[in-house]
Amino acid sequence: MDKPRTFDEILTSAYKRMHRYTCAEASLQALLELWDLPTEPLSWASAGYLGAIGSGFTTCGLIIGSSIAIGHKCGYLLQGIPEENEEAREKAIQLVNELYTDFYSKFESTDCKSLNTVDFRQGEEITDWMIQKGWKQTCDVFLDFTIRKCNSMAEEGRI
């Protein structure tokens, strides 16, 4: 039997996944593992959310992936759809709102383009951003905050 990975190992994997795939995938899959939830087929839920859908003019993928994970965690093992489990649904709404509000308070935006100052529709901007490893000052910082915030909520027993 494999030994469960530590928080730091999961976070390191999330950085690597984010640098290769998407922010939404990185946060979703990291939280599913951290909370010992099944990854299939839910891990596909955020696969298409790249570069805030290619333009950067929408919500950071880390919030999207984390929101999916929070909702899944709140409803895990419940029967039926969210509207049939109002208490768990309301908890998910409150926790996602807290994540969003705290993220916004810390970084003054949740918009991918504003956070990264790169237009993901512009090949030259993306190339420069990639060469300079722009994600180290942006996405890596946002990932660390998001995963730690979600982990803290779980450790407090709120998720």
Protein backbone atom coordinates (compact mmCIF):
# COMPACT_ATOMS: atom_id res chain seq x y z
CA MET A 1 0.00 0.00 0.00
CA ASP A 2 1.32 3.44 -0.92
CA LYS A 3 2.08 5.87 1.87
CA PRO A 4 -0.09 9.01 1.66
CA ARG A 5 1.81 12.01 0.38
CA THR A 6 2.46 15.01 2.59
CA PHE A 7 0.94 18.44 2.06
CA ASP A 8 4.23 19.73 0.64
CA GLU A 9 4.49 16.80 -1.80
CA ILE A 10 0.95 17.41 -3.02
CA LEU A 11 1.64 21.15 -3.38
CA THR A 12 4.84 20.45 -5.34
CA SER A 13 2.90 18.17 -7.70
CA ALA A 14 0.30 20.90 -8.12
CA TYR A 15 2.98 23.40 -9.19
CA LYS A 16 4.31 20.93 -11.75
CA ARG A 17 0.82 20.14 -13.03
CA MET A 18 -0.05 23.83 -13.30
CA HIS A 19 3.11 24.60 -15.28
CA ARG A 20 2.25 21.89 -17.77
CA TYR A 21 -1.54 21.82 -17.87
CA THR A 22 -3.99 24.28 -16.27
CA CYS A 23 -4.41 26.13 -13.01
CA ALA A 24 -7.91 24.70 -12.61
CA GLU A 25 -6.64 21.15 -13.04
CA ALA A 26 -3.79 21.77 -10.61
CA SER A 27 -5.98 23.03 -7.79
CA LEU A 28 -8.77 20.50 -8.32
CA GLN A 29 -6.50 17.47 -8.44
CA ALA A 30 -4.36 18.66 -5.52
CA LEU A 31 -7.40 19.18 -3.30
CA LEU A 32 -8.94 15.85 -4.29
CA GLU A 33 -5.73 14.13 -3.25
CA LEU A 34 -5.30 16.24 -0.12
CA TRP A 35 -8.82 15.41 1.01
CA ASP A 36 -8.51 11.76 -0.03
CA LEU A 37 -11.38 11.98 -2.51
CA PRO A 38 -11.63 9.88 -5.66
CA THR A 39 -10.17 11.66 -8.66
CA GLU A 40 -12.02 9.90 -11.45
CA PRO A 41 -14.06 11.00 -13.28
CA LEU A 42 -14.16 14.38 -11.50
CA SER A 43 -10.56 15.19 -12.42
CA TRP A 44 -11.79 15.94 -15.96
CA ALA A 45 -14.22 18.62 -14.74
CA SER A 46 -11.71 21.46 -15.18
CA ALA A 47 -9.59 20.15 -18.06
CA GLY A 48 -10.71 22.79 -20.56
CA TYR A 49 -10.21 25.84 -18.36
CA LEU A 50 -6.85 27.00 -19.76
CA GLY A 51 -5.51 30.54 -19.47
CA ALA A 52 -8.92 31.60 -18.22
CA ILE A 53 -10.33 30.14 -21.40
CA GLY A 54 -7.66 31.51 -23.67
CA SER A 55 -8.33 35.20 -23.13
CA GLY A 56 -7.54 35.80 -19.51
CA PHE A 57 -10.71 37.87 -19.20
CA THR A 58 -12.36 35.62 -16.66
CA THR A 59 -11.90 34.13 -13.20
CA CYS A 60 -8.57 32.56 -12.26
CA GLY A 61 -8.59 28.82 -12.85
CA LEU A 62 -7.35 28.18 -9.33
CA ILE A 63 -10.63 29.50 -7.96
CA ILE A 64 -12.60 27.46 -10.50
CA GLY A 65 -10.78 24.19 -9.74
CA SER A 66 -10.92 24.81 -5.99
CA SER A 67 -14.63 25.62 -6.16
CA ILE A 68 -15.28 22.29 -7.86
CA ALA A 69 -13.24 20.51 -5.17
CA ILE A 70 -15.04 22.32 -2.33
CA GLY A 71 -18.45 21.47 -3.77
CA HIS A 72 -17.44 17.85 -4.24
CA LYS A 73 -16.06 17.62 -0.70
CA CYS A 74 -19.22 19.14 0.81
CA GLY A 75 -21.47 16.72 -1.05
CA TYR A 76 -19.28 13.64 -0.97
CA LEU A 77 -21.25 10.49 -0.12
CA LEU A 78 -24.59 12.34 -0.08
CA GLN A 79 -27.40 10.99 -2.21
CA GLY A 80 -29.01 13.20 -4.81
CA ILE A 81 -28.14 16.53 -6.34
CA PRO A 82 -27.14 19.68 -4.42
CA GLU A 83 -30.65 21.18 -4.33
CA GLU A 84 -31.80 18.05 -2.52
CA ASN A 85 -29.14 18.59 0.17
CA GLU A 86 -29.63 22.24 1.06
CA GLU A 87 -27.38 22.29 4.15
CA ALA A 88 -24.35 20.87 2.31
CA ARG A 89 -25.09 23.07 -0.70
CA GLU A 90 -25.23 26.18 1.48
CA LYS A 91 -21.96 25.20 3.14
CA ALA A 92 -20.29 24.88 -0.26
CA ILE A 93 -21.61 28.28 -1.32
CA GLN A 94 -20.31 29.93 1.86
CA LEU A 95 -16.87 28.31 1.61
CA VAL A 96 -16.42 29.15 -2.07
CA ASN A 97 -17.50 32.71 -1.31
CA GLU A 98 -14.92 32.89 1.48
CA LEU A 99 -12.18 31.59 -0.80
CA TYR A 100 -13.14 34.07 -3.52
CA THR A 101 -13.38 37.01 -1.10
CA ASP A 102 -10.07 36.24 0.61
CA PHE A 103 -8.33 35.73 -2.74
CA TYR A 104 -9.69 39.05 -4.00
CA SER A 105 -8.71 40.84 -0.78
CA LYS A 106 -5.16 39.55 -1.00
CA PHE A 107 -4.53 39.96 -4.74
CA GLU A 108 -7.01 42.77 -5.61
CA SER A 109 -8.44 40.80 -8.52
CA THR A 110 -9.65 37.36 -9.54
CA ASP A 111 -9.36 38.07 -13.26
CA CYS A 112 -6.62 35.98 -14.88
CA LYS A 113 -5.38 38.72 -17.20
CA SER A 114 -5.22 41.33 -14.43
CA LEU A 115 -3.42 38.92 -12.12
CA ASN A 116 -0.85 37.90 -14.75
CA THR A 117 -0.64 41.05 -16.85
CA VAL A 118 -0.48 38.89 -19.96
CA ASP A 119 -3.04 38.54 -22.74
CA PHE A 120 -3.26 34.82 -23.42
CA ARG A 121 -4.58 35.58 -26.93
CA GLN A 122 -1.31 37.26 -27.89
CA GLY A 123 1.38 34.76 -28.90
CA GLU A 124 4.28 37.15 -28.35
CA GLU A 125 3.10 38.09 -24.84
CA ILE A 126 2.68 34.44 -23.92
CA THR A 127 6.12 33.57 -25.30
CA ASP A 128 7.79 36.37 -23.31
CA TRP A 129 5.86 35.38 -20.19
CA MET A 130 6.91 31.75 -20.61
CA ILE A 131 10.58 32.59 -21.26
CA GLN A 132 10.66 34.82 -18.19
CA LYS A 133 8.74 32.17 -16.19
CA GLY A 134 6.19 34.80 -15.28
CA TRP A 135 4.11 32.23 -13.41
CA LYS A 136 6.70 32.18 -10.61
CA GLN A 137 5.66 35.66 -9.46
CA THR A 138 1.97 35.15 -10.17
CA CYS A 139 0.37 31.73 -10.58
CA ASP A 140 2.73 29.99 -8.15
CA VAL A 141 1.89 32.57 -5.47
CA PHE A 142 -1.84 32.25 -6.16
CA LEU A 143 -1.66 28.44 -6.09
CA ASP A 144 0.11 28.45 -2.73
CA PHE A 145 -2.48 30.81 -1.26
CA THR A 146 -5.45 28.89 -2.67
CA ILE A 147 -4.36 25.41 -1.60
CA ARG A 148 -3.33 26.61 1.87
CA LYS A 149 -6.65 28.46 2.30
CA CYS A 150 -8.68 25.39 1.30
CA ASN A 151 -6.54 23.13 3.47
CA SER A 152 -7.02 25.48 6.42
CA MET A 153 -10.80 25.42 6.00
CA ALA A 154 -10.70 21.61 5.92
CA GLU A 155 -8.41 21.35 8.96
CA GLU A 156 -10.81 23.61 10.86
CA GLY A 157 -13.55 21.09 10.07
CA ARG A 158 -15.55 23.51 7.96
CA ILE A 159 -15.39 21.43 4.78
